[in-house]
Amino acid sequence: MKDVNIETTLTVYENFEELPKEVVLLMRKASEARLKAYAPYSKFLVGAAILLENGEIVTGNNQENASYPSGLCAERTAIYYAGAQFPGVKMLRMALTAGSQLQSTTTPIPPCGACRQAIAEYEVKQEAPIEMYFMGETGKIVKSASLANLLPLGFDRSFL
C-alpha cells in the first residue's frame, strides 16, 4: 500500500483591480447574468460567462424549478448553450459569480460537483483546459488553470 498525494495550485486575486482586463470583462458578463437568474426557491443567484476561441462570450444563469432536480445551474446552462450553438469552438475561460438574496456572499464559490463533471467533459472533448475564475458577489477571485484542478481523478470517456 502507498499513499498518493494530490495537490492543486490556485491563484487568488484580492479584487477586480488585480485581474487581467480580459477577465474583468468576462466577470462583469457573469455578474450581469447572475442578476437575471431565476432562483425563487433557494434565493441563490449564479451567473456564468464563457469566452470562446472565436471571441464570442456566452452567458448563463441558474434556472430553478419547483421540482428541484429539474432546475439547472448557471455553468451547465452556459456550457451546453456554447456546445449547441458553437460546436467545435474551444472554450478558453469561464467566469462564475454567485450570491444570496438572503445574506452577503464574499467567499469565492466554485462550481458544484455536477457542473465540474459537465465542464470536465468539454475539457476532454476539446483536448484543452478551460481556465476557471470564481467569486462570490464581491471580494476575492480564485483562478484555476483548468477544471481538472478542481476535479482530480475525474470520470471521462476513457472509462467507458
N, C-alpha and C. Protein backbone atom coordinates (compact mmCIF):
# COMPACT_ATOMS: atom_id res chain seq x y z
N MET A 1 0.84 -1.17 0.00
CA MET A 1 0.00 0.00 0.00
C MET A 1 0.89 1.24 0.00
N LYS A 2 0.40 2.29 -0.66
CA LYS A 2 1.10 3.57 -0.61
C LYS A 2 0.07 4.69 -0.65
N ASP A 3 0.44 5.80 -0.08
CA ASP A 3 -0.41 6.99 -0.13
C ASP A 3 -0.06 7.78 -1.38
N VAL A 4 -1.09 8.38 -1.98
CA VAL A 4 -0.90 9.23 -3.14
C VAL A 4 -1.34 10.63 -2.73
N ASN A 5 -0.49 11.60 -2.95
CA ASN A 5 -0.79 12.98 -2.61
C ASN A 5 -1.22 13.73 -3.87
N ILE A 6 -2.38 14.34 -3.84
CA ILE A 6 -2.88 15.12 -4.97
C ILE A 6 -2.90 16.58 -4.54
N GLU A 7 -2.20 17.43 -5.29
CA GLU A 7 -2.14 18.84 -4.97
C GLU A 7 -2.73 19.69 -6.09
N THR A 8 -3.30 20.80 -5.71
CA THR A 8 -3.85 21.75 -6.68
C THR A 8 -3.31 23.12 -6.35
N THR A 9 -2.91 23.84 -7.37
CA THR A 9 -2.46 25.22 -7.19
C THR A 9 -3.51 26.15 -7.78
N LEU A 10 -3.97 27.07 -6.96
CA LEU A 10 -4.95 28.07 -7.37
C LEU A 10 -4.33 29.44 -7.15
N THR A 11 -4.74 30.41 -7.96
CA THR A 11 -4.31 31.79 -7.79
C THR A 11 -5.46 32.57 -7.19
N VAL A 12 -5.18 33.37 -6.17
CA VAL A 12 -6.22 34.17 -5.53
C VAL A 12 -5.92 35.65 -5.76
N TYR A 13 -6.89 36.31 -6.38
CA TYR A 13 -6.81 37.76 -6.60
C TYR A 13 -7.62 38.44 -5.50
N GLU A 14 -7.10 39.49 -4.94
CA GLU A 14 -7.78 40.18 -3.84
C GLU A 14 -9.00 40.95 -4.31
N ASN A 15 -8.99 41.41 -5.57
CA ASN A 15 -10.10 42.23 -6.08
C ASN A 15 -10.00 42.33 -7.60
N PHE A 16 -10.97 43.01 -8.19
CA PHE A 16 -11.03 43.17 -9.65
C PHE A 16 -9.79 43.87 -10.21
N GLU A 17 -9.25 44.81 -9.46
CA GLU A 17 -8.11 45.59 -9.95
C GLU A 17 -6.89 44.71 -10.25
N GLU A 18 -6.78 43.58 -9.59
CA GLU A 18 -5.64 42.68 -9.81
C GLU A 18 -5.84 41.76 -11.02
N LEU A 19 -7.07 41.64 -11.49
CA LEU A 19 -7.37 40.73 -12.60
C LEU A 19 -6.87 41.28 -13.93
N PRO A 20 -6.50 40.40 -14.86
CA PRO A 20 -6.24 40.84 -16.23
C PRO A 20 -7.51 41.48 -16.80
N LYS A 21 -7.35 42.48 -17.65
CA LYS A 21 -8.50 43.23 -18.19
C LYS A 21 -9.53 42.34 -18.88
N GLU A 22 -9.06 41.35 -19.64
CA GLU A 22 -9.99 40.48 -20.35
C GLU A 22 -10.82 39.62 -19.39
N VAL A 23 -10.28 39.36 -18.22
CA VAL A 23 -11.02 38.58 -17.22
C VAL A 23 -12.04 39.47 -16.51
N VAL A 24 -11.71 40.74 -16.31
CA VAL A 24 -12.67 41.68 -15.71
C VAL A 24 -13.92 41.74 -16.57
N LEU A 25 -13.76 41.86 -17.89
CA LEU A 25 -14.91 41.89 -18.79
C LEU A 25 -15.74 40.63 -18.66
N LEU A 26 -15.10 39.48 -18.63
CA LEU A 26 -15.82 38.21 -18.52
C LEU A 26 -16.55 38.12 -17.18
N MET A 27 -15.90 38.55 -16.11
CA MET A 27 -16.53 38.50 -14.80
C MET A 27 -17.73 39.46 -14.74
N ARG A 28 -17.63 40.60 -15.41
CA ARG A 28 -18.77 41.53 -15.45
C ARG A 28 -19.95 40.91 -16.20
N LYS A 29 -19.65 40.17 -17.28
CA LYS A 29 -20.71 39.48 -18.02
C LYS A 29 -21.37 38.41 -17.13
N ALA A 30 -20.56 37.72 -16.33
CA ALA A 30 -21.10 36.72 -15.41
C ALA A 30 -21.98 37.40 -14.35
N SER A 31 -21.55 38.58 -13.87
CA SER A 31 -22.35 39.32 -12.88
C SER A 31 -23.68 39.76 -13.46
N GLU A 32 -23.67 40.22 -14.70
CA GLU A 32 -24.91 40.62 -15.38
C GLU A 32 -25.85 39.42 -15.51
N ALA A 33 -25.28 38.28 -15.86
CA ALA A 33 -26.08 37.06 -15.99
C ALA A 33 -26.65 36.64 -14.64
N ARG A 34 -25.87 36.77 -13.58
CA ARG A 34 -26.33 36.41 -12.23
C ARG A 34 -27.59 37.18 -11.87
N LEU A 35 -27.63 38.44 -12.20
CA LEU A 35 -28.78 39.28 -11.84
C LEU A 35 -30.06 38.87 -12.56
N LYS A 36 -29.94 38.07 -13.63
CA LYS A 36 -31.10 37.59 -14.39
C LYS A 36 -31.51 36.17 -14.01
N ALA A 37 -30.82 35.57 -13.02
CA ALA A 37 -31.11 34.20 -12.62
C ALA A 37 -32.54 34.06 -12.11
N TYR A 38 -33.09 32.89 -12.29
CA TYR A 38 -34.42 32.58 -11.76
C TYR A 38 -34.22 31.63 -10.59
N ALA A 39 -34.24 32.18 -9.37
CA ALA A 39 -33.96 31.39 -8.17
C ALA A 39 -34.94 31.73 -7.05
N PRO A 40 -36.24 31.55 -7.29
CA PRO A 40 -37.23 31.94 -6.29
C PRO A 40 -37.24 31.04 -5.05
N TYR A 41 -36.66 29.86 -5.13
CA TYR A 41 -36.71 28.91 -4.03
C TYR A 41 -35.46 29.00 -3.15
N SER A 42 -34.30 28.95 -3.76
CA SER A 42 -33.06 29.00 -2.97
C SER A 42 -32.63 30.43 -2.66
N LYS A 43 -33.07 31.37 -3.47
CA LYS A 43 -32.63 32.78 -3.35
C LYS A 43 -31.12 32.90 -3.56
N PHE A 44 -30.54 31.92 -4.25
CA PHE A 44 -29.10 31.87 -4.51
C PHE A 44 -28.88 32.04 -6.01
N LEU A 45 -28.37 33.19 -6.41
CA LEU A 45 -28.22 33.54 -7.82
C LEU A 45 -26.79 33.27 -8.30
N VAL A 46 -26.68 32.62 -9.45
CA VAL A 46 -25.37 32.30 -10.01
C VAL A 46 -25.35 32.73 -11.47
N GLY A 47 -24.24 33.34 -11.88
CA GLY A 47 -24.04 33.72 -13.27
C GLY A 47 -22.74 33.15 -13.79
N ALA A 48 -22.74 32.79 -15.05
CA ALA A 48 -21.55 32.24 -15.70
C ALA A 48 -21.34 32.93 -17.04
N ALA A 49 -20.09 33.12 -17.41
CA ALA A 49 -19.75 33.65 -18.73
C ALA A 49 -18.57 32.84 -19.26
N ILE A 50 -18.65 32.46 -20.52
CA ILE A 50 -17.60 31.65 -21.15
C ILE A 50 -17.06 32.40 -22.36
N LEU A 51 -15.74 32.53 -22.41
CA LEU A 51 -15.06 33.10 -23.58
C LEU A 51 -14.69 31.96 -24.52
N LEU A 52 -15.17 32.07 -25.76
CA LEU A 52 -14.86 31.06 -26.78
C LEU A 52 -13.67 31.51 -27.61
N GLU A 53 -13.05 30.55 -28.27
CA GLU A 53 -11.87 30.81 -29.09
C GLU A 53 -12.16 31.81 -30.21
N ASN A 54 -13.41 31.87 -30.68
CA ASN A 54 -13.77 32.80 -31.76
C ASN A 54 -14.10 34.20 -31.25
N GLY A 55 -13.92 34.44 -29.94
CA GLY A 55 -14.17 35.76 -29.35
C GLY A 55 -15.57 35.94 -28.79
N GLU A 56 -16.47 35.03 -29.11
CA GLU A 56 -17.84 35.11 -28.57
C GLU A 56 -17.81 34.90 -27.05
N ILE A 57 -18.73 35.56 -26.37
CA ILE A 57 -18.93 35.33 -24.94
C ILE A 57 -20.35 34.82 -24.76
N VAL A 58 -20.48 33.67 -24.15
CA VAL A 58 -21.76 33.02 -23.90
C VAL A 58 -22.02 33.11 -22.40
N THR A 59 -23.24 33.47 -22.02
CA THR A 59 -23.57 33.56 -20.60
C THR A 59 -24.71 32.61 -20.25
N GLY A 60 -24.82 32.36 -18.95
CA GLY A 60 -25.91 31.54 -18.43
C GLY A 60 -26.12 31.86 -16.97
N ASN A 61 -27.27 31.47 -16.46
CA ASN A 61 -27.56 31.64 -15.05
C ASN A 61 -28.40 30.47 -14.57
N ASN A 62 -28.51 30.33 -13.26
CA ASN A 62 -29.27 29.20 -12.74
C ASN A 62 -30.76 29.42 -12.97
N GLN A 63 -31.44 28.33 -13.29
CA GLN A 63 -32.86 28.32 -13.57
C GLN A 63 -33.50 27.26 -12.69
N GLU A 64 -34.20 27.70 -11.65
CA GLU A 64 -34.79 26.76 -10.70
C GLU A 64 -36.17 26.31 -11.15
N ASN A 65 -36.65 25.26 -10.50
CA ASN A 65 -37.95 24.69 -10.77
C ASN A 65 -38.51 24.20 -9.44
N ALA A 66 -39.83 24.27 -9.26
CA ALA A 66 -40.45 23.79 -8.02
C ALA A 66 -40.10 22.32 -7.79
N SER A 67 -39.89 21.58 -8.85
CA SER A 67 -39.38 20.21 -8.74
C SER A 67 -37.86 20.32 -8.81
N TYR A 68 -37.23 20.46 -7.64
CA TYR A 68 -35.82 20.83 -7.54
C TYR A 68 -34.86 20.14 -8.52
N PRO A 69 -34.96 18.85 -8.73
CA PRO A 69 -33.98 18.24 -9.66
C PRO A 69 -34.12 18.73 -11.10
N SER A 70 -35.23 19.38 -11.42
CA SER A 70 -35.45 19.83 -12.79
C SER A 70 -34.76 21.15 -13.12
N GLY A 71 -34.23 21.84 -12.12
CA GLY A 71 -33.52 23.09 -12.37
C GLY A 71 -32.16 22.83 -13.00
N LEU A 72 -31.49 23.91 -13.38
CA LEU A 72 -30.17 23.78 -14.00
C LEU A 72 -29.26 24.90 -13.51
N CYS A 73 -28.04 24.54 -13.19
CA CYS A 73 -27.05 25.51 -12.72
C CYS A 73 -26.58 26.42 -13.86
N ALA A 74 -26.04 27.57 -13.48
CA ALA A 74 -25.56 28.56 -14.45
C ALA A 74 -24.47 28.00 -15.35
N GLU A 75 -23.53 27.26 -14.76
CA GLU A 75 -22.40 26.74 -15.52
C GLU A 75 -22.86 25.81 -16.63
N ARG A 76 -23.78 24.91 -16.29
CA ARG A 76 -24.28 23.97 -17.29
C ARG A 76 -25.17 24.65 -18.31
N THR A 77 -25.95 25.64 -17.87
CA THR A 77 -26.76 26.40 -18.83
C THR A 77 -25.86 27.02 -19.88
N ALA A 78 -24.77 27.64 -19.43
CA ALA A 78 -23.85 28.32 -20.36
C ALA A 78 -23.06 27.33 -21.22
N ILE A 79 -22.53 26.29 -20.61
CA ILE A 79 -21.65 25.39 -21.36
C ILE A 79 -22.44 24.58 -22.39
N TYR A 80 -23.66 24.17 -22.04
CA TYR A 80 -24.46 23.42 -23.01
C TYR A 80 -24.92 24.32 -24.14
N TYR A 81 -25.21 25.58 -23.85
CA TYR A 81 -25.57 26.52 -24.91
C TYR A 81 -24.38 26.72 -25.85
N ALA A 82 -23.19 26.91 -25.26
CA ALA A 82 -21.99 27.09 -26.08
C ALA A 82 -21.75 25.86 -26.96
N GLY A 83 -21.90 24.67 -26.38
CA GLY A 83 -21.70 23.45 -27.14
C GLY A 83 -22.72 23.28 -28.26
N ALA A 84 -23.96 23.71 -28.01
CA ALA A 84 -25.01 23.57 -29.01
C ALA A 84 -24.90 24.62 -30.12
N GLN A 85 -24.57 25.85 -29.76
CA GLN A 85 -24.54 26.94 -30.74
C GLN A 85 -23.20 27.10 -31.45
N PHE A 86 -22.12 26.64 -30.80
CA PHE A 86 -20.78 26.80 -31.37
C PHE A 86 -20.01 25.47 -31.32
N PRO A 87 -20.55 24.42 -31.93
CA PRO A 87 -19.88 23.13 -31.87
C PRO A 87 -18.48 23.21 -32.49
N GLY A 88 -17.54 22.58 -31.84
CA GLY A 88 -16.17 22.56 -32.36
C GLY A 88 -15.35 23.79 -32.01
N VAL A 89 -15.97 24.82 -31.39
CA VAL A 89 -15.23 26.02 -31.00
C VAL A 89 -14.75 25.83 -29.55
N LYS A 90 -13.46 25.98 -29.33
CA LYS A 90 -12.91 25.77 -27.99
C LYS A 90 -13.40 26.82 -27.00
N MET A 91 -13.58 26.35 -25.78
CA MET A 91 -13.92 27.23 -24.66
C MET A 91 -12.60 27.55 -23.94
N LEU A 92 -12.26 28.81 -23.87
CA LEU A 92 -10.97 29.21 -23.30
C LEU A 92 -11.03 29.46 -21.80
N ARG A 93 -12.08 30.15 -21.37
CA ARG A 93 -12.14 30.50 -19.95
C ARG A 93 -13.58 30.69 -19.53
N MET A 94 -13.83 30.43 -18.24
CA MET A 94 -15.17 30.59 -17.67
C MET A 94 -15.06 31.42 -16.40
N ALA A 95 -15.99 32.38 -16.25
CA ALA A 95 -16.07 33.19 -15.05
C ALA A 95 -17.40 32.90 -14.36
N LEU A 96 -17.36 32.78 -13.04
CA LEU A 96 -18.56 32.49 -12.24
C LEU A 96 -18.67 33.46 -11.09
N THR A 97 -19.87 33.87 -10.79
CA THR A 97 -20.13 34.67 -9.61
C THR A 97 -21.45 34.22 -9.01
N ALA A 98 -21.49 34.15 -7.69
CA ALA A 98 -22.68 33.66 -7.00
C ALA A 98 -22.98 34.52 -5.79
N GLY A 99 -24.25 34.66 -5.51
CA GLY A 99 -24.64 35.44 -4.35
C GLY A 99 -26.03 35.08 -3.87
N SER A 100 -26.24 35.29 -2.59
CA SER A 100 -27.51 35.01 -1.95
C SER A 100 -28.33 36.29 -1.82
N GLN A 101 -29.63 36.16 -1.99
CA GLN A 101 -30.52 37.29 -1.74
C GLN A 101 -30.80 37.44 -0.25
N LEU A 102 -30.32 36.49 0.56
CA LEU A 102 -30.58 36.49 1.99
C LEU A 102 -29.41 36.99 2.84
N GLN A 103 -28.22 36.97 2.26
CA GLN A 103 -27.03 37.39 3.00
C GLN A 103 -25.93 37.79 2.02
N SER A 104 -24.95 38.52 2.50
CA SER A 104 -23.83 38.94 1.67
C SER A 104 -22.93 37.74 1.40
N THR A 105 -22.47 37.62 0.17
CA THR A 105 -21.61 36.49 -0.22
C THR A 105 -20.27 37.04 -0.69
N THR A 106 -19.25 36.88 0.13
CA THR A 106 -17.91 37.38 -0.20
C THR A 106 -16.91 36.25 -0.40
N THR A 107 -17.29 35.03 -0.10
CA THR A 107 -16.41 33.88 -0.27
C THR A 107 -16.48 33.39 -1.72
N PRO A 108 -15.34 33.14 -2.37
CA PRO A 108 -15.38 32.60 -3.74
C PRO A 108 -16.12 31.26 -3.76
N ILE A 109 -17.04 31.11 -4.69
CA ILE A 109 -17.88 29.91 -4.75
C ILE A 109 -17.57 29.15 -6.04
N PRO A 110 -16.99 27.95 -5.91
CA PRO A 110 -16.64 27.16 -7.10
C PRO A 110 -17.85 26.42 -7.65
N PRO A 111 -17.72 25.82 -8.82
CA PRO A 111 -18.82 25.03 -9.39
C PRO A 111 -19.16 23.84 -8.49
N CYS A 112 -20.42 23.44 -8.50
CA CYS A 112 -20.83 22.24 -7.77
C CYS A 112 -20.25 21.00 -8.48
N GLY A 113 -20.42 19.86 -7.87
CA GLY A 113 -19.87 18.63 -8.44
C GLY A 113 -20.43 18.28 -9.82
N ALA A 114 -21.74 18.43 -10.00
CA ALA A 114 -22.34 18.12 -11.30
C ALA A 114 -21.80 19.04 -12.39
N CYS A 115 -21.63 20.31 -12.05
CA CYS A 115 -21.09 21.26 -13.04
C CYS A 115 -19.62 20.96 -13.34
N ARG A 116 -18.87 20.58 -12.31
CA ARG A 116 -17.47 20.22 -12.55
C ARG A 116 -17.39 19.08 -13.56
N GLN A 117 -18.26 18.08 -13.39
CA GLN A 117 -18.25 16.95 -14.31
C GLN A 117 -18.62 17.38 -15.73
N ALA A 118 -19.61 18.27 -15.86
CA ALA A 118 -20.02 18.74 -17.18
C ALA A 118 -18.91 19.54 -17.85
N ILE A 119 -18.26 20.42 -17.10
CA ILE A 119 -17.16 21.22 -17.66
C ILE A 119 -15.99 20.32 -18.02
N ALA A 120 -15.72 19.33 -17.17
CA ALA A 120 -14.62 18.39 -17.45
C ALA A 120 -14.84 17.67 -18.78
N GLU A 121 -16.09 17.35 -19.09
CA GLU A 121 -16.40 16.68 -20.36
C GLU A 121 -15.92 17.52 -21.54
N TYR A 122 -16.10 18.83 -21.46
CA TYR A 122 -15.68 19.70 -22.56
C TYR A 122 -14.17 19.88 -22.60
N GLU A 123 -13.51 19.85 -21.46
CA GLU A 123 -12.04 19.88 -21.49
C GLU A 123 -11.50 18.65 -22.20
N VAL A 124 -12.06 17.50 -21.90
CA VAL A 124 -11.63 16.26 -22.55
C VAL A 124 -11.97 16.32 -24.04
N LYS A 125 -13.18 16.75 -24.36
CA LYS A 125 -13.63 16.82 -25.76
C LYS A 125 -12.73 17.72 -26.59
N GLN A 126 -12.37 18.88 -26.06
CA GLN A 126 -11.57 19.82 -26.83
C GLN A 126 -10.06 19.64 -26.64
N GLU A 127 -9.69 18.70 -25.79
CA GLU A 127 -8.28 18.40 -25.52
C GLU A 127 -7.51 19.65 -25.14
N ALA A 128 -8.14 20.50 -24.34
CA ALA A 128 -7.52 21.74 -23.88
C ALA A 128 -8.21 22.19 -22.59
N PRO A 129 -7.45 22.78 -21.69
CA PRO A 129 -8.05 23.23 -20.43
C PRO A 129 -8.98 24.43 -20.61
N ILE A 130 -9.87 24.59 -19.66
CA ILE A 130 -10.73 25.77 -19.58
C ILE A 130 -10.34 26.48 -18.29
N GLU A 131 -9.79 27.68 -18.42
CA GLU A 131 -9.45 28.46 -17.23
C GLU A 131 -10.72 28.79 -16.47
N MET A 132 -10.67 28.68 -15.16
CA MET A 132 -11.83 28.93 -14.32
C MET A 132 -11.54 30.09 -13.37
N TYR A 133 -12.45 31.05 -13.31
CA TYR A 133 -12.39 32.15 -12.34
C TYR A 133 -13.72 32.14 -11.58
N PHE A 134 -13.66 32.19 -10.25
CA PHE A 134 -14.91 32.20 -9.49
C PHE A 134 -14.81 33.08 -8.26
N MET A 135 -15.97 33.65 -7.91
CA MET A 135 -16.05 34.57 -6.78
C MET A 135 -17.46 34.55 -6.19
N GLY A 136 -17.64 35.24 -5.05
CA GLY A 136 -18.97 35.49 -4.51
C GLY A 136 -19.53 36.71 -5.23
N GLU A 137 -20.32 37.50 -4.54
CA GLU A 137 -20.82 38.75 -5.14
C GLU A 137 -19.69 39.78 -5.20
N THR A 138 -18.87 39.80 -4.19
CA THR A 138 -17.74 40.71 -4.09
C THR A 138 -16.59 39.95 -3.45
N GLY A 139 -15.44 40.61 -3.36
CA GLY A 139 -14.31 40.01 -2.66
C GLY A 139 -13.31 39.33 -3.57
N LYS A 140 -12.63 38.36 -3.01
CA LYS A 140 -11.55 37.67 -3.70
C LYS A 140 -12.07 36.86 -4.87
N ILE A 141 -11.20 36.70 -5.86
CA ILE A 141 -11.49 35.90 -7.05
C ILE A 141 -10.44 34.80 -7.12
N VAL A 142 -10.88 33.58 -7.32
CA VAL A 142 -9.97 32.43 -7.42
C VAL A 142 -9.85 32.02 -8.88
N LYS A 143 -8.62 31.72 -9.29
CA LYS A 143 -8.36 31.23 -10.64
C LYS A 143 -7.79 29.82 -10.56
N SER A 144 -8.34 28.95 -11.39
CA SER A 144 -7.79 27.62 -11.60
C SER A 144 -7.42 27.54 -13.08
N ALA A 145 -6.22 27.08 -13.38
CA ALA A 145 -5.77 27.00 -14.77
C ALA A 145 -6.58 26.00 -15.59
N SER A 146 -7.30 25.13 -14.90
CA SER A 146 -8.07 24.09 -15.57
C SER A 146 -9.15 23.58 -14.64
N LEU A 147 -10.24 23.10 -15.21
CA LEU A 147 -11.25 22.46 -14.37
C LEU A 147 -10.69 21.21 -13.73
N ALA A 148 -9.79 20.52 -14.42
CA ALA A 148 -9.20 19.29 -13.89
C ALA A 148 -8.55 19.53 -12.52
N ASN A 149 -8.07 20.74 -12.25
CA ASN A 149 -7.52 21.05 -10.94
C ASN A 149 -8.59 20.97 -9.84
N LEU A 150 -9.84 21.23 -10.21
CA LEU A 150 -10.93 21.21 -9.25
C LEU A 150 -11.61 19.85 -9.16
N LEU A 151 -11.27 18.95 -10.05
CA LEU A 151 -11.88 17.62 -10.09
C LEU A 151 -10.81 16.56 -10.36
N PRO A 152 -9.91 16.37 -9.40
CA PRO A 152 -8.89 15.33 -9.61
C PRO A 152 -9.56 13.96 -9.65
N LEU A 153 -8.96 13.05 -10.36
CA LEU A 153 -9.49 11.69 -10.52
C LEU A 153 -10.88 11.71 -11.15
N GLY A 154 -11.05 12.59 -12.12
CA GLY A 154 -12.34 12.72 -12.78
C GLY A 154 -12.71 11.52 -13.62
N PHE A 155 -13.99 11.40 -13.89
CA PHE A 155 -14.54 10.35 -14.73
C PHE A 155 -14.69 10.88 -16.15
N ASP A 156 -14.19 10.15 -17.14
CA ASP A 156 -14.33 10.58 -18.53
C ASP A 156 -14.54 9.38 -19.44
N ARG A 157 -14.61 9.65 -20.73
CA ARG A 157 -14.93 8.61 -21.71
C ARG A 157 -13.91 7.48 -21.75
N SER A 158 -12.73 7.69 -21.24
CA SER A 158 -11.72 6.62 -21.27
C SER A 158 -12.12 5.43 -20.40
N PHE A 159 -13.06 5.64 -19.48
CA PHE A 159 -13.52 4.54 -18.61
C PHE A 159 -14.64 3.72 -19.25
N LEU A 160 -15.22 4.22 -20.32
CA LEU A 160 -16.38 3.53 -20.92
C LEU A 160 -15.95 2.48 -21.94
